[in-house]
């Protein structure tokens, strides 16, 4: 399973910052890096506690990128 090691709740994710997010539905990690996605983030819905439904995905966590 490709869960993130230091996974944080999706509700705390800043949609305008690049980061890996975990899609529970497909059990895969997605690189959140498309600026257009931040614009559509408002359309998200709470699916269950800790899980956000967005654009056909179930996002259940994210991980900050390491500092350069």
C-alpha atoms as a PDB file:
ATOM      1  CA  UNK A   1       0.000   0.000   0.000  1.00  0.00           C
ATOM      2  CA  UNK A   2       1.468   3.386  -0.943  1.00  0.00           C
ATOM      3  CA  UNK A   3       0.260   5.273   2.143  1.00  0.00           C
ATOM      4  CA  UNK A   4       2.316   8.289   3.049  1.00  0.00           C
ATOM      5  CA  UNK A   5       4.759   7.875   5.923  1.00  0.00           C
ATOM      6  CA  UNK A   6       4.076  11.215   7.647  1.00  0.00           C
ATOM      7  CA  UNK A   7       0.483  11.565   6.546  1.00  0.00           C
ATOM      8  CA  UNK A   8      -1.492  14.571   7.785  1.00  0.00           C
ATOM      9  CA  UNK A   9      -5.271  15.119   7.619  1.00  0.00           C
ATOM     10  CA  UNK A  10      -6.455  16.314   4.217  1.00  0.00           C
ATOM     11  CA  UNK A  11      -8.489  19.093   5.834  1.00  0.00           C
ATOM     12  CA  UNK A  12      -5.184  20.756   6.821  1.00  0.00           C
ATOM     13  CA  UNK A  13      -3.769  20.703   3.288  1.00  0.00           C
ATOM     14  CA  UNK A  14      -3.105  24.054   1.586  1.00  0.00           C
ATOM     15  CA  UNK A  15      -4.455  23.486  -1.943  1.00  0.00           C
ATOM     16  CA  UNK A  16      -2.125  26.058  -3.488  1.00  0.00           C
ATOM     17  CA  UNK A  17       1.066  24.260  -2.362  1.00  0.00           C
ATOM     18  CA  UNK A  18       2.656  21.304  -4.102  1.00  0.00           C
ATOM     19  CA  UNK A  19       2.587  18.096  -2.032  1.00  0.00           C
ATOM     20  CA  UNK A  20       1.856  14.378  -2.310  1.00  0.00           C
ATOM     21  CA  UNK A  21      -1.709  13.399  -1.373  1.00  0.00           C
ATOM     22  CA  UNK A  22      -3.143   9.928  -0.810  1.00  0.00           C
ATOM     23  CA  UNK A  23      -6.251   8.823  -2.729  1.00  0.00           C
ATOM     24  CA  UNK A  24      -8.005   6.228  -0.588  1.00  0.00           C
ATOM     25  CA  UNK A  25     -10.343   5.153  -3.395  1.00  0.00           C
ATOM     26  CA  UNK A  26      -7.547   4.018  -5.715  1.00  0.00           C
ATOM     27  CA  UNK A  27      -4.925   3.507  -2.972  1.00  0.00           C
ATOM     28  CA  UNK A  28      -2.330   5.636  -4.705  1.00  0.00           C
ATOM     29  CA  UNK A  29      -0.272   8.722  -4.015  1.00  0.00           C
ATOM     30  CA  UNK A  30      -0.829  11.698  -6.317  1.00  0.00           C
ATOM     31  CA  UNK A  31       1.567  14.589  -6.751  1.00  0.00           C
ATOM     32  CA  UNK A  32      -0.629  17.627  -6.063  1.00  0.00           C
ATOM     33  CA  UNK A  33       1.035  20.109  -8.383  1.00  0.00           C
ATOM     34  CA  UNK A  34      -1.571  21.540 -10.749  1.00  0.00           C
ATOM     35  CA  UNK A  35      -2.433  25.188  -9.946  1.00  0.00           C
ATOM     36  CA  UNK A  36      -5.877  24.697 -11.517  1.00  0.00           C
ATOM     37  CA  UNK A  37      -6.697  22.105  -8.845  1.00  0.00           C
ATOM     38  CA  UNK A  38      -6.447  24.779  -6.142  1.00  0.00           C
ATOM     39  CA  UNK A  39      -9.188  26.713  -7.938  1.00  0.00           C
ATOM     40  CA  UNK A  40     -11.547  23.717  -7.879  1.00  0.00           C
ATOM     41  CA  UNK A  41     -10.689  22.759  -4.266  1.00  0.00           C
ATOM     42  CA  UNK A  42     -13.729  24.761  -3.080  1.00  0.00           C
ATOM     43  CA  UNK A  43     -15.935  22.070  -4.628  1.00  0.00           C
ATOM     44  CA  UNK A  44     -14.656  19.450  -2.185  1.00  0.00           C
ATOM     45  CA  UNK A  45     -16.995  17.657   0.194  1.00  0.00           C
ATOM     46  CA  UNK A  46     -16.489  15.837   3.455  1.00  0.00           C
ATOM     47  CA  UNK A  47     -16.945  12.149   2.694  1.00  0.00           C
ATOM     48  CA  UNK A  48     -16.327  10.841   6.204  1.00  0.00           C
ATOM     49  CA  UNK A  49     -14.197  12.099   9.091  1.00  0.00           C
ATOM     50  CA  UNK A  50     -10.704  12.706   7.747  1.00  0.00           C
ATOM     51  CA  UNK A  51     -11.615  11.983   4.116  1.00  0.00           C
ATOM     52  CA  UNK A  52     -12.361  14.622   1.475  1.00  0.00           C
ATOM     53  CA  UNK A  53     -14.241  13.835  -1.725  1.00  0.00           C
ATOM     54  CA  UNK A  54     -12.791  15.873  -4.579  1.00  0.00           C
ATOM     55  CA  UNK A  55     -13.015  15.377  -8.340  1.00  0.00           C
ATOM     56  CA  UNK A  56     -13.906  11.688  -8.076  1.00  0.00           C
ATOM     57  CA  UNK A  57     -11.155  10.944  -5.549  1.00  0.00           C
ATOM     58  CA  UNK A  58     -11.226  10.249  -1.805  1.00  0.00           C
ATOM     59  CA  UNK A  59      -8.289  12.139  -0.354  1.00  0.00           C
ATOM     60  CA  UNK A  60      -7.418  10.954   3.146  1.00  0.00           C
ATOM     61  CA  UNK A  61      -4.018  12.515   3.773  1.00  0.00           C
ATOM     62  CA  UNK A  62      -1.107  14.557   2.565  1.00  0.00           C
ATOM     63  CA  UNK A  63       2.565  14.973   3.351  1.00  0.00           C
ATOM     64  CA  UNK A  64       4.676  18.155   3.217  1.00  0.00           C
ATOM     65  CA  UNK A  65       7.614  18.164   0.837  1.00  0.00           C
ATOM     66  CA  UNK A  66      11.041  18.287   2.467  1.00  0.00           C
ATOM     67  CA  UNK A  67      12.640  21.732   2.716  1.00  0.00           C
ATOM     68  CA  UNK A  68      15.310  22.372   0.108  1.00  0.00           C
END
